[in-house]
Amino acid sequence: MKLLYHFNKILDTTKKEKYMKIQKKNQGKQSLLLRSKKILPTIPLFKNEDEERDFWANHSVTDYLHIFKPVKLDFSKLKPSTAKVTLRLPQMMLEDLRMLANEQDVPYQSLMKIFLSQRIKKEYSSRYSNAS
């Protein structure tokens, strides 16, 4: 038991030393981050989860945003969510749509989405331009 206590004490000392090194390293950065002659707060070292939970219950993470590094997010590969729709069209309308799509070298379903999108934009623009 005494050995375990001694080991924990060494471990705690190591953690404290690391924390002190981090604090010392960030000390220069903190002095640069002055807001109305006030040094921005740092997140304390917690002894356990309960202490951390109590801290965050009484503090806002927005007060500590200066500590975190921004992350670049790339949403370019995200596709809008789609839903399948079953639509019954007259045969002649479908043939006309396929011919138009063939002329434009696009799939007929894509052409249908283009036509629908254009019409929706037109409807919205006419509604909101008439409202003013």
N, C-alpha and C. Protein backbone atom coordinates (compact mmCIF):
# COMPACT_ATOMS: atom_id res chain seq x y z
N MET A 1 0.83 -1.20 0.00
CA MET A 1 0.00 0.00 0.00
C MET A 1 0.87 1.25 0.00
N LYS A 2 1.92 1.21 0.80
CA LYS A 2 2.82 2.35 0.88
C LYS A 2 3.51 2.59 -0.47
N LEU A 3 3.84 1.51 -1.18
CA LEU A 3 4.46 1.60 -2.49
C LEU A 3 3.51 2.26 -3.49
N LEU A 4 2.23 1.87 -3.43
CA LEU A 4 1.22 2.43 -4.32
C LEU A 4 1.05 3.93 -4.06
N TYR A 5 1.04 4.32 -2.78
CA TYR A 5 0.93 5.73 -2.42
C TYR A 5 2.12 6.51 -2.97
N HIS A 6 3.31 5.93 -2.81
CA HIS A 6 4.52 6.58 -3.29
C HIS A 6 4.49 6.72 -4.82
N PHE A 7 4.02 5.69 -5.50
CA PHE A 7 3.93 5.72 -6.96
C PHE A 7 2.95 6.80 -7.42
N ASN A 8 1.79 6.87 -6.74
CA ASN A 8 0.80 7.90 -7.08
C ASN A 8 1.34 9.29 -6.84
N LYS A 9 2.12 9.43 -5.76
CA LYS A 9 2.70 10.73 -5.45
C LYS A 9 3.69 11.14 -6.54
N ILE A 10 4.49 10.19 -7.03
CA ILE A 10 5.42 10.47 -8.13
C ILE A 10 4.64 10.83 -9.38
N LEU A 11 3.58 10.08 -9.64
CA LEU A 11 2.75 10.33 -10.82
C LEU A 11 2.13 11.71 -10.75
N ASP A 12 1.59 12.08 -9.56
CA ASP A 12 1.01 13.41 -9.39
C ASP A 12 2.06 14.50 -9.60
N THR A 13 3.26 14.26 -9.08
CA THR A 13 4.34 15.23 -9.23
C THR A 13 4.68 15.40 -10.70
N THR A 14 4.73 14.30 -11.44
CA THR A 14 5.02 14.36 -12.87
C THR A 14 3.94 15.16 -13.60
N LYS A 15 2.69 14.91 -13.26
CA LYS A 15 1.59 15.66 -13.88
C LYS A 15 1.71 17.14 -13.56
N LYS A 16 2.02 17.44 -12.29
CA LYS A 16 2.15 18.84 -11.89
C LYS A 16 3.30 19.51 -12.63
N GLU A 17 4.42 18.78 -12.78
CA GLU A 17 5.56 19.34 -13.50
C GLU A 17 5.18 19.64 -14.96
N LYS A 18 4.49 18.68 -15.59
CA LYS A 18 4.06 18.89 -16.97
C LYS A 18 3.14 20.10 -17.06
N TYR A 19 2.20 20.19 -16.11
CA TYR A 19 1.24 21.29 -16.10
C TYR A 19 1.97 22.62 -15.93
N MET A 20 2.96 22.63 -15.01
CA MET A 20 3.71 23.86 -14.77
C MET A 20 4.51 24.27 -16.00
N LYS A 21 5.08 23.27 -16.71
CA LYS A 21 5.81 23.57 -17.94
C LYS A 21 4.88 24.17 -18.99
N ILE A 22 3.68 23.59 -19.11
CA ILE A 22 2.70 24.10 -20.07
C ILE A 22 2.29 25.53 -19.70
N GLN A 23 2.04 25.74 -18.39
CA GLN A 23 1.65 27.07 -17.93
C GLN A 23 2.76 28.09 -18.21
N LYS A 24 4.02 27.67 -17.93
CA LYS A 24 5.15 28.56 -18.14
C LYS A 24 5.31 28.87 -19.63
N LYS A 25 5.13 27.82 -20.48
CA LYS A 25 5.23 27.99 -21.92
C LYS A 25 4.16 28.95 -22.44
N ASN A 26 2.95 28.82 -21.89
CA ASN A 26 1.82 29.65 -22.34
C ASN A 26 1.79 31.03 -21.69
N GLN A 27 2.67 31.24 -20.71
CA GLN A 27 2.64 32.50 -19.99
C GLN A 27 2.92 33.68 -20.92
N GLY A 28 3.86 33.53 -21.82
CA GLY A 28 4.16 34.59 -22.77
C GLY A 28 2.99 34.84 -23.71
N LYS A 29 2.32 33.76 -24.11
CA LYS A 29 1.17 33.89 -25.01
C LYS A 29 0.03 34.60 -24.30
N GLN A 30 -0.11 34.30 -22.99
CA GLN A 30 -1.21 34.92 -22.25
C GLN A 30 -1.02 36.43 -22.16
N SER A 31 0.23 36.86 -21.98
CA SER A 31 0.44 38.30 -21.86
C SER A 31 0.13 39.01 -23.18
N LEU A 32 0.25 38.29 -24.30
CA LEU A 32 -0.11 38.88 -25.58
C LEU A 32 -1.63 38.97 -25.74
N LEU A 33 -2.33 38.07 -25.07
CA LEU A 33 -3.79 38.02 -25.20
C LEU A 33 -4.47 38.89 -24.15
N LEU A 34 -4.16 40.14 -24.15
CA LEU A 34 -4.77 41.03 -23.18
C LEU A 34 -6.07 41.58 -23.72
N ARG A 35 -7.06 41.60 -22.87
CA ARG A 35 -8.36 42.15 -23.23
C ARG A 35 -8.70 43.17 -22.15
N SER A 36 -8.62 44.42 -22.49
CA SER A 36 -8.82 45.52 -21.55
C SER A 36 -7.97 45.32 -20.28
N LYS A 37 -6.68 45.15 -20.51
CA LYS A 37 -5.69 44.98 -19.44
C LYS A 37 -5.98 43.78 -18.55
N LYS A 38 -6.60 42.76 -19.12
CA LYS A 38 -6.97 41.57 -18.35
C LYS A 38 -6.37 40.35 -19.03
N ILE A 39 -5.67 39.52 -18.28
CA ILE A 39 -5.12 38.30 -18.86
C ILE A 39 -6.26 37.30 -19.01
N LEU A 40 -6.33 36.68 -20.18
CA LEU A 40 -7.40 35.72 -20.44
C LEU A 40 -7.23 34.49 -19.55
N PRO A 41 -8.32 33.90 -19.12
CA PRO A 41 -8.24 32.77 -18.19
C PRO A 41 -7.72 31.50 -18.85
N THR A 42 -7.14 30.64 -18.02
CA THR A 42 -6.69 29.33 -18.48
C THR A 42 -7.54 28.27 -17.78
N ILE A 43 -7.62 27.11 -18.39
CA ILE A 43 -8.39 26.02 -17.80
C ILE A 43 -7.54 25.37 -16.72
N PRO A 44 -8.07 25.25 -15.50
CA PRO A 44 -7.27 24.66 -14.42
C PRO A 44 -7.09 23.16 -14.58
N LEU A 45 -6.14 22.63 -13.85
CA LEU A 45 -5.90 21.20 -13.81
C LEU A 45 -6.87 20.60 -12.79
N PHE A 46 -7.64 19.61 -13.18
CA PHE A 46 -8.66 19.02 -12.31
C PHE A 46 -8.13 17.75 -11.65
N LYS A 47 -8.54 17.54 -10.41
CA LYS A 47 -8.13 16.34 -9.67
C LYS A 47 -8.98 15.14 -10.07
N ASN A 48 -10.25 15.39 -10.41
CA ASN A 48 -11.15 14.30 -10.78
C ASN A 48 -12.28 14.85 -11.65
N GLU A 49 -13.12 13.96 -12.13
CA GLU A 49 -14.21 14.36 -13.03
C GLU A 49 -15.24 15.22 -12.33
N ASP A 50 -15.48 14.96 -11.05
CA ASP A 50 -16.46 15.75 -10.30
C ASP A 50 -16.03 17.23 -10.24
N GLU A 51 -14.76 17.42 -9.98
CA GLU A 51 -14.24 18.79 -9.92
C GLU A 51 -14.37 19.48 -11.28
N GLU A 52 -14.07 18.73 -12.34
CA GLU A 52 -14.20 19.27 -13.69
C GLU A 52 -15.66 19.58 -14.02
N ARG A 53 -16.55 18.68 -13.64
CA ARG A 53 -17.98 18.88 -13.89
C ARG A 53 -18.48 20.13 -13.17
N ASP A 54 -18.06 20.32 -11.92
CA ASP A 54 -18.46 21.50 -11.16
C ASP A 54 -17.92 22.78 -11.80
N PHE A 55 -16.69 22.70 -12.28
CA PHE A 55 -16.09 23.86 -12.93
C PHE A 55 -16.89 24.29 -14.15
N TRP A 56 -17.18 23.30 -15.05
CA TRP A 56 -17.88 23.64 -16.29
C TRP A 56 -19.35 23.98 -16.05
N ALA A 57 -19.90 23.57 -14.92
CA ALA A 57 -21.28 23.95 -14.59
C ALA A 57 -21.36 25.44 -14.27
N ASN A 58 -20.23 26.01 -13.81
CA ASN A 58 -20.23 27.42 -13.42
C ASN A 58 -19.46 28.33 -14.38
N HIS A 59 -18.86 27.76 -15.42
CA HIS A 59 -18.09 28.54 -16.38
C HIS A 59 -18.56 28.23 -17.80
N SER A 60 -18.33 29.17 -18.68
CA SER A 60 -18.71 28.98 -20.08
C SER A 60 -17.47 28.65 -20.90
N VAL A 61 -17.61 27.72 -21.81
CA VAL A 61 -16.49 27.36 -22.67
C VAL A 61 -16.09 28.52 -23.58
N THR A 62 -17.01 29.43 -23.83
CA THR A 62 -16.70 30.58 -24.69
C THR A 62 -15.65 31.50 -24.06
N ASP A 63 -15.49 31.45 -22.74
CA ASP A 63 -14.46 32.25 -22.08
C ASP A 63 -13.07 31.68 -22.33
N TYR A 64 -13.00 30.46 -22.85
CA TYR A 64 -11.72 29.77 -23.02
C TYR A 64 -11.44 29.43 -24.48
N LEU A 65 -12.16 30.04 -25.40
CA LEU A 65 -11.97 29.74 -26.83
C LEU A 65 -10.58 30.11 -27.33
N HIS A 66 -9.95 31.08 -26.70
CA HIS A 66 -8.62 31.50 -27.13
C HIS A 66 -7.58 30.39 -26.97
N ILE A 67 -7.87 29.38 -26.19
CA ILE A 67 -6.95 28.27 -25.95
C ILE A 67 -6.97 27.27 -27.11
N PHE A 68 -8.12 27.09 -27.70
CA PHE A 68 -8.29 26.06 -28.72
C PHE A 68 -7.87 26.56 -30.10
N LYS A 69 -7.39 25.63 -30.91
CA LYS A 69 -6.98 25.95 -32.27
C LYS A 69 -8.16 25.72 -33.21
N PRO A 70 -8.34 26.62 -34.19
CA PRO A 70 -9.43 26.41 -35.16
C PRO A 70 -9.14 25.19 -36.04
N VAL A 71 -10.19 24.56 -36.48
CA VAL A 71 -10.08 23.38 -37.34
C VAL A 71 -10.75 23.71 -38.66
N LYS A 72 -10.06 23.42 -39.76
CA LYS A 72 -10.64 23.66 -41.07
C LYS A 72 -11.50 22.46 -41.45
N LEU A 73 -12.72 22.73 -41.80
CA LEU A 73 -13.64 21.68 -42.22
C LEU A 73 -13.90 21.81 -43.71
N ASP A 74 -13.94 20.69 -44.39
CA ASP A 74 -14.18 20.67 -45.83
C ASP A 74 -15.52 20.00 -46.09
N PHE A 75 -16.50 20.80 -46.47
CA PHE A 75 -17.82 20.28 -46.76
C PHE A 75 -18.06 20.11 -48.26
N SER A 76 -17.01 20.27 -49.04
CA SER A 76 -17.18 20.25 -50.49
C SER A 76 -17.61 18.88 -51.01
N LYS A 77 -17.28 17.81 -50.31
CA LYS A 77 -17.63 16.47 -50.78
C LYS A 77 -19.00 16.00 -50.30
N LEU A 78 -19.63 16.82 -49.47
CA LEU A 78 -20.95 16.46 -48.98
C LEU A 78 -21.98 16.66 -50.08
N LYS A 79 -22.88 15.73 -50.18
CA LYS A 79 -23.95 15.83 -51.16
C LYS A 79 -25.25 16.10 -50.41
N PRO A 80 -26.14 16.89 -51.02
CA PRO A 80 -27.42 17.12 -50.35
C PRO A 80 -28.20 15.80 -50.27
N SER A 81 -28.93 15.66 -49.18
CA SER A 81 -29.70 14.43 -49.02
C SER A 81 -30.80 14.37 -50.08
N THR A 82 -31.03 13.19 -50.56
CA THR A 82 -32.03 13.00 -51.61
C THR A 82 -33.07 11.99 -51.16
N ALA A 83 -34.20 12.03 -51.82
CA ALA A 83 -35.27 11.07 -51.55
C ALA A 83 -35.79 10.53 -52.87
N LYS A 84 -36.16 9.27 -52.86
CA LYS A 84 -36.72 8.67 -54.07
C LYS A 84 -38.17 9.10 -54.22
N VAL A 85 -38.54 9.41 -55.46
CA VAL A 85 -39.90 9.81 -55.76
C VAL A 85 -40.39 8.99 -56.94
N THR A 86 -41.55 8.43 -56.81
CA THR A 86 -42.18 7.73 -57.93
C THR A 86 -43.19 8.67 -58.54
N LEU A 87 -43.03 8.86 -59.84
CA LEU A 87 -43.87 9.84 -60.53
C LEU A 87 -44.41 9.21 -61.81
N ARG A 88 -45.70 9.27 -61.98
CA ARG A 88 -46.32 8.76 -63.22
C ARG A 88 -46.47 9.91 -64.20
N LEU A 89 -45.87 9.73 -65.38
CA LEU A 89 -45.93 10.74 -66.43
C LEU A 89 -46.57 10.13 -67.67
N PRO A 90 -47.24 10.96 -68.46
CA PRO A 90 -47.74 10.46 -69.75
C PRO A 90 -46.54 10.02 -70.61
N GLN A 91 -46.72 8.96 -71.35
CA GLN A 91 -45.64 8.39 -72.16
C GLN A 91 -45.02 9.42 -73.10
N MET A 92 -45.85 10.26 -73.74
CA MET A 92 -45.35 11.27 -74.67
C MET A 92 -44.46 12.30 -73.95
N MET A 93 -44.87 12.69 -72.75
CA MET A 93 -44.08 13.66 -71.99
C MET A 93 -42.71 13.07 -71.65
N LEU A 94 -42.69 11.80 -71.27
CA LEU A 94 -41.43 11.14 -70.94
C LEU A 94 -40.53 11.03 -72.17
N GLU A 95 -41.12 10.71 -73.32
CA GLU A 95 -40.34 10.62 -74.56
C GLU A 95 -39.77 11.99 -74.95
N ASP A 96 -40.59 13.04 -74.81
CA ASP A 96 -40.12 14.39 -75.10
C ASP A 96 -38.96 14.77 -74.16
N LEU A 97 -39.12 14.44 -72.90
CA LEU A 97 -38.09 14.73 -71.91
C LEU A 97 -36.79 14.00 -72.25
N ARG A 98 -36.90 12.76 -72.66
CA ARG A 98 -35.72 11.97 -73.03
C ARG A 98 -35.04 12.57 -74.27
N MET A 99 -35.82 13.04 -75.22
CA MET A 99 -35.24 13.65 -76.43
C MET A 99 -34.51 14.95 -76.08
N LEU A 100 -35.13 15.77 -75.25
CA LEU A 100 -34.49 17.01 -74.81
C LEU A 100 -33.19 16.72 -74.05
N ALA A 101 -33.25 15.72 -73.20
CA ALA A 101 -32.06 15.35 -72.41
C ALA A 101 -30.95 14.84 -73.33
N ASN A 102 -31.33 14.07 -74.34
CA ASN A 102 -30.36 13.55 -75.29
C ASN A 102 -29.69 14.69 -76.06
N GLU A 103 -30.47 15.69 -76.45
CA GLU A 103 -29.93 16.84 -77.15
C GLU A 103 -28.92 17.61 -76.29
N GLN A 104 -29.18 17.67 -74.99
CA GLN A 104 -28.31 18.40 -74.07
C GLN A 104 -27.22 17.50 -73.47
N ASP A 105 -27.25 16.21 -73.86
CA ASP A 105 -26.27 15.23 -73.39
C ASP A 105 -26.24 15.11 -71.86
N VAL A 106 -27.43 15.03 -71.28
CA VAL A 106 -27.56 14.78 -69.83
C VAL A 106 -28.60 13.69 -69.63
N PRO A 107 -28.53 12.97 -68.52
CA PRO A 107 -29.57 11.98 -68.25
C PRO A 107 -30.94 12.67 -68.07
N TYR A 108 -32.00 12.00 -68.48
CA TYR A 108 -33.32 12.64 -68.43
C TYR A 108 -33.76 12.95 -67.00
N GLN A 109 -33.32 12.14 -66.04
CA GLN A 109 -33.70 12.41 -64.65
C GLN A 109 -33.01 13.68 -64.14
N SER A 110 -31.78 13.88 -64.58
CA SER A 110 -31.07 15.11 -64.20
C SER A 110 -31.74 16.32 -64.82
N LEU A 111 -32.18 16.17 -66.06
CA LEU A 111 -32.88 17.26 -66.72
C LEU A 111 -34.19 17.58 -66.00
N MET A 112 -34.87 16.56 -65.52
CA MET A 112 -36.10 16.78 -64.74
C MET A 112 -35.79 17.59 -63.48
N LYS A 113 -34.68 17.28 -62.81
CA LYS A 113 -34.31 18.02 -61.60
C LYS A 113 -33.98 19.47 -61.95
N ILE A 114 -33.32 19.68 -63.09
CA ILE A 114 -32.99 21.04 -63.52
C ILE A 114 -34.27 21.83 -63.78
N PHE A 115 -35.20 21.23 -64.52
CA PHE A 115 -36.47 21.90 -64.81
C PHE A 115 -37.24 22.22 -63.53
N LEU A 116 -37.29 21.26 -62.63
CA LEU A 116 -38.00 21.50 -61.36
C LEU A 116 -37.33 22.61 -60.55
N SER A 117 -36.03 22.59 -60.50
CA SER A 117 -35.29 23.61 -59.75
C SER A 117 -35.54 25.00 -60.32
N GLN A 118 -35.49 25.11 -61.65
CA GLN A 118 -35.74 26.40 -62.30
C GLN A 118 -37.15 26.90 -62.01
N ARG A 119 -38.10 26.02 -62.07
CA ARG A 119 -39.49 26.41 -61.83
C ARG A 119 -39.70 26.84 -60.37
N ILE A 120 -39.09 26.13 -59.47
CA ILE A 120 -39.22 26.48 -58.04
C ILE A 120 -38.62 27.86 -57.79
N LYS A 121 -37.45 28.11 -58.35
CA LYS A 121 -36.82 29.44 -58.20
C LYS A 121 -37.71 30.52 -58.77
N LYS A 122 -38.29 30.25 -59.94
CA LYS A 122 -39.18 31.22 -60.59
C LYS A 122 -40.39 31.51 -59.71
N GLU A 123 -40.99 30.48 -59.15
CA GLU A 123 -42.16 30.65 -58.28
C GLU A 123 -41.81 31.49 -57.05
N TYR A 124 -40.69 31.18 -56.41
CA TYR A 124 -40.29 31.93 -55.23
C TYR A 124 -39.97 33.38 -55.57
N SER A 125 -39.26 33.59 -56.66
CA SER A 125 -38.91 34.97 -57.02
C SER A 125 -40.15 35.79 -57.35
N SER A 126 -41.13 35.18 -58.03
CA SER A 126 -42.35 35.93 -58.35
C SER A 126 -43.18 36.21 -57.09
N ARG A 127 -43.19 35.30 -56.16
CA ARG A 127 -43.94 35.52 -54.90
C ARG A 127 -43.33 36.64 -54.09
N TYR A 128 -42.03 36.60 -53.92
CA TYR A 128 -41.38 37.57 -53.03
C TYR A 128 -41.14 38.91 -53.70
N SER A 129 -41.09 38.95 -55.02
CA SER A 129 -40.95 40.25 -55.69
C SER A 129 -42.28 40.98 -55.71
N ASN A 130 -43.40 40.22 -55.77
CA ASN A 130 -44.73 40.83 -55.74
C ASN A 130 -45.12 41.28 -54.35
N ALA A 131 -44.52 40.67 -53.32
CA ALA A 131 -44.87 41.02 -51.94
C ALA A 131 -44.35 42.40 -51.55
N SER A 132 -43.27 42.87 -52.20
CA SER A 132 -42.70 44.17 -51.82
C SER A 132 -43.30 45.33 -52.52
